[in-house]
Amino acid sequence: MPKGHYKSAGGRIQYGDATDLFPLDELDATVHQYRDAERALENVRSEDVICVFPESMATGYALGQNPLTAIRVETLPATVRGRLDDALDAAISSFEIIQVGKWVTSSPNRSLSEYETA
């Protein structure tokens, strides 16, 4: 399973169509961030996740400013669910979580001296 379902999500929504979700800290819904978001995403199948994707370099930067976030679909206000439903190919009710941001994995630090002999 890819970390956080980013590449295998069942639904995708462009940043411009998901502006009702931002700013995340003002959203009237169940919002999990950081480690809580990782735990929420671990317990959900990829097909039940909607990922918010950038439309451009600028929207990619804006999304990158947010920590990994998991938003419970059923807790979103009806007006927000309706607008997101219009932007999706499938009914929003068929999804459990909206993911904002990528799941960051740690990688070992490398030194340039390791590659001198290559």
C-alpha atoms as a PDB file:
ATOM      1  CA  MET A   1       0.000   0.000   0.000  1.00  0.00           C
ATOM      2  CA  PRO A   2       1.447   3.372  -0.924  1.00  0.00           C
ATOM      3  CA  LYS A   3       1.882   5.660   2.040  1.00  0.00           C
ATOM      4  CA  GLY A   4      -1.305   7.620   2.535  1.00  0.00           C
ATOM      5  CA  HIS A   5      -3.036   6.331  -0.643  1.00  0.00           C
ATOM      6  CA  TYR A   6      -1.706   9.304  -2.643  1.00  0.00           C
ATOM      7  CA  LYS A   7      -1.097   7.273  -5.818  1.00  0.00           C
ATOM      8  CA  SER A   8      -3.843   4.681  -5.379  1.00  0.00           C
ATOM      9  CA  ALA A   9      -6.776   6.796  -4.212  1.00  0.00           C
ATOM     10  CA  GLY A  10     -10.250   5.888  -5.382  1.00  0.00           C
ATOM     11  CA  GLY A  11     -11.070   9.520  -6.084  1.00  0.00           C
ATOM     12  CA  ARG A  12      -9.167  12.612  -7.115  1.00  0.00           C
ATOM     13  CA  ILE A  13     -10.197  16.212  -6.821  1.00  0.00           C
ATOM     14  CA  GLN A  14      -8.307  19.227  -8.091  1.00  0.00           C
ATOM     15  CA  TYR A  15      -7.239  21.873  -5.590  1.00  0.00           C
ATOM     16  CA  GLY A  16      -9.438  24.494  -7.273  1.00  0.00           C
ATOM     17  CA  ASP A  17     -12.523  22.317  -6.794  1.00  0.00           C
ATOM     18  CA  ALA A  18     -11.648  21.685  -3.126  1.00  0.00           C
ATOM     19  CA  THR A  19     -11.242  25.290  -1.951  1.00  0.00           C
ATOM     20  CA  ASP A  20     -14.167  24.854   0.478  1.00  0.00           C
ATOM     21  CA  LEU A  21     -11.845  22.666   2.578  1.00  0.00           C
ATOM     22  CA  PHE A  22      -9.350  25.466   3.195  1.00  0.00           C
ATOM     23  CA  PRO A  23      -8.135  26.729   5.565  1.00  0.00           C
ATOM     24  CA  LEU A  24      -8.168  23.321   7.222  1.00  0.00           C
ATOM     25  CA  ASP A  25      -8.113  24.631  10.783  1.00  0.00           C
ATOM     26  CA  GLU A  26     -11.375  26.495  10.174  1.00  0.00           C
ATOM     27  CA  LEU A  27     -13.206  23.528   8.615  1.00  0.00           C
ATOM     28  CA  ASP A  28     -16.276  22.414  10.566  1.00  0.00           C
ATOM     29  CA  ALA A  29     -15.606  18.675  10.291  1.00  0.00           C
ATOM     30  CA  THR A  30     -13.547  15.887  11.842  1.00  0.00           C
ATOM     31  CA  VAL A  31     -10.001  16.705  10.729  1.00  0.00           C
ATOM     32  CA  HIS A  32      -7.022  14.513  11.653  1.00  0.00           C
ATOM     33  CA  GLN A  33      -3.484  15.803  11.106  1.00  0.00           C
ATOM     34  CA  TYR A  34       0.061  14.461  11.425  1.00  0.00           C
ATOM     35  CA  ARG A  35       0.200  11.082  13.210  1.00  0.00           C
ATOM     36  CA  ASP A  36      -3.574  10.993  13.719  1.00  0.00           C
ATOM     37  CA  ALA A  37      -4.004  11.346   9.948  1.00  0.00           C
ATOM     38  CA  GLU A  38      -1.566   8.473   9.356  1.00  0.00           C
ATOM     39  CA  ARG A  39      -3.593   6.267  11.697  1.00  0.00           C
ATOM     40  CA  ALA A  40      -6.882   7.237  10.070  1.00  0.00           C
ATOM     41  CA  LEU A  41      -5.498   6.499   6.598  1.00  0.00           C
ATOM     42  CA  GLU A  42      -4.032   3.144   7.672  1.00  0.00           C
ATOM     43  CA  ASN A  43      -7.514   1.903   8.475  1.00  0.00           C
ATOM     44  CA  VAL A  44      -9.131   2.839   5.159  1.00  0.00           C
ATOM     45  CA  ARG A  45      -8.992   1.104   1.791  1.00  0.00           C
ATOM     46  CA  SER A  46      -7.485   3.118  -1.057  1.00  0.00           C
ATOM     47  CA  GLU A  47     -10.752   3.020  -2.988  1.00  0.00           C
ATOM     48  CA  ASP A  48     -12.451   4.882  -0.128  1.00  0.00           C
ATOM     49  CA  VAL A  49     -10.052   7.854  -0.183  1.00  0.00           C
ATOM     50  CA  ILE A  50     -10.275  11.092  -2.170  1.00  0.00           C
ATOM     51  CA  CYS A  51      -6.944  12.874  -2.679  1.00  0.00           C
ATOM     52  CA  VAL A  52      -6.666  16.594  -3.321  1.00  0.00           C
ATOM     53  CA  PHE A  53      -4.230  17.163  -6.219  1.00  0.00           C
ATOM     54  CA  PRO A  54      -2.509  20.349  -7.391  1.00  0.00           C
ATOM     55  CA  GLU A  55      -3.423  22.007 -10.672  1.00  0.00           C
ATOM     56  CA  SER A  56      -0.197  23.948 -11.009  1.00  0.00           C
ATOM     57  CA  MET A  57       3.095  24.680  -9.323  1.00  0.00           C
ATOM     58  CA  ALA A  58       1.418  27.371  -7.210  1.00  0.00           C
ATOM     59  CA  THR A  59      -1.359  25.081  -5.984  1.00  0.00           C
ATOM     60  CA  GLY A  60       1.239  22.368  -5.355  1.00  0.00           C
ATOM     61  CA  TYR A  61       3.088  24.809  -3.141  1.00  0.00           C
ATOM     62  CA  ALA A  62      -0.129  25.734  -1.330  1.00  0.00           C
ATOM     63  CA  LEU A  63      -0.935  22.066  -0.702  1.00  0.00           C
ATOM     64  CA  GLY A  64       2.616  21.437   0.463  1.00  0.00           C
ATOM     65  CA  GLN A  65       2.173  23.992   3.229  1.00  0.00           C
ATOM     66  CA  ASN A  66      -0.389  21.716   4.896  1.00  0.00           C
ATOM     67  CA  PRO A  67       0.550  18.720   7.027  1.00  0.00           C
ATOM     68  CA  LEU A  68      -0.796  15.298   6.114  1.00  0.00           C
ATOM     69  CA  THR A  69      -4.513  15.639   6.788  1.00  0.00           C
ATOM     70  CA  ALA A  70      -7.423  13.189   6.760  1.00  0.00           C
ATOM     71  CA  ILE A  71     -10.946  14.624   6.721  1.00  0.00           C
ATOM     72  CA  ARG A  72     -13.942  12.393   7.470  1.00  0.00           C
ATOM     73  CA  VAL A  73     -16.406  12.848   4.585  1.00  0.00           C
ATOM     74  CA  GLU A  74     -19.539  12.160   6.647  1.00  0.00           C
ATOM     75  CA  THR A  75     -18.668  15.028   9.022  1.00  0.00           C
ATOM     76  CA  LEU A  76     -18.454  17.687   6.300  1.00  0.00           C
ATOM     77  CA  PRO A  77     -21.279  20.243   6.159  1.00  0.00           C
ATOM     78  CA  ALA A  78     -23.917  19.361   3.563  1.00  0.00           C
ATOM     79  CA  THR A  79     -23.102  22.412   1.418  1.00  0.00           C
ATOM     80  CA  VAL A  80     -19.415  21.455   1.216  1.00  0.00           C
ATOM     81  CA  ARG A  81     -20.263  17.808   0.446  1.00  0.00           C
ATOM     82  CA  GLY A  82     -22.588  18.984  -2.329  1.00  0.00           C
ATOM     83  CA  ARG A  83     -19.959  21.159  -4.009  1.00  0.00           C
ATOM     84  CA  LEU A  84     -17.316  18.420  -3.767  1.00  0.00           C
ATOM     85  CA  ASP A  85     -19.803  15.855  -5.096  1.00  0.00           C
ATOM     86  CA  ASP A  86     -20.280  17.988  -8.223  1.00  0.00           C
ATOM     87  CA  ALA A  87     -16.507  17.902  -8.876  1.00  0.00           C
ATOM     88  CA  LEU A  88     -16.137  14.117  -8.473  1.00  0.00           C
ATOM     89  CA  ASP A  89     -16.875  11.330 -10.959  1.00  0.00           C
ATOM     90  CA  ALA A  90     -18.403   9.121  -8.226  1.00  0.00           C
ATOM     91  CA  ALA A  91     -20.792  10.060  -5.430  1.00  0.00           C
ATOM     92  CA  ILE A  92     -18.984  11.576  -2.453  1.00  0.00           C
ATOM     93  CA  SER A  93     -21.003   9.297  -0.161  1.00  0.00           C
ATOM     94  CA  SER A  94     -19.034   6.325  -1.537  1.00  0.00           C
ATOM     95  CA  PHE A  95     -15.844   7.670   0.093  1.00  0.00           C
ATOM     96  CA  GLU A  96     -14.747   7.782   3.739  1.00  0.00           C
ATOM     97  CA  ILE A  97     -11.814  10.185   3.877  1.00  0.00           C
ATOM     98  CA  ILE A  98     -10.373  13.132   1.979  1.00  0.00           C
ATOM     99  CA  GLN A  99      -6.569  13.229   2.074  1.00  0.00           C
ATOM    100  CA  VAL A 100      -4.674  16.499   1.831  1.00  0.00           C
ATOM    101  CA  GLY A 101      -0.892  16.271   1.533  1.00  0.00           C
ATOM    102  CA  LYS A 102       1.482  13.360   1.164  1.00  0.00           C
ATOM    103  CA  TRP A 103       2.548  10.926   3.813  1.00  0.00           C
ATOM    104  CA  VAL A 104       6.163  11.855   4.481  1.00  0.00           C
ATOM    105  CA  THR A 105       8.546   8.963   4.954  1.00  0.00           C
ATOM    106  CA  SER A 106      11.967   9.238   6.463  1.00  0.00           C
ATOM    107  CA  SER A 107      14.984   8.295   4.398  1.00  0.00           C
ATOM    108  CA  PRO A 108      18.597   7.862   5.426  1.00  0.00           C
ATOM    109  CA  ASN A 109      20.917  10.821   5.077  1.00  0.00           C
ATOM    110  CA  ARG A 110      23.528  10.359   2.393  1.00  0.00           C
ATOM    111  CA  SER A 111      26.948  11.876   1.996  1.00  0.00           C
ATOM    112  CA  LEU A 112      28.432  12.822  -1.350  1.00  0.00           C
ATOM    113  CA  SER A 113      31.556  10.883  -0.392  1.00  0.00           C
ATOM    114  CA  GLU A 114      29.519   7.669  -0.768  1.00  0.00           C
ATOM    115  CA  TYR A 115      29.267   8.332  -4.480  1.00  0.00           C
ATOM    116  CA  GLU A 116      32.899   9.218  -5.189  1.00  0.00           C
ATOM    117  CA  THR A 117      33.753   5.722  -6.359  1.00  0.00           C
ATOM    118  CA  ALA A 118      30.646   5.298  -8.469  1.00  0.00           C
END
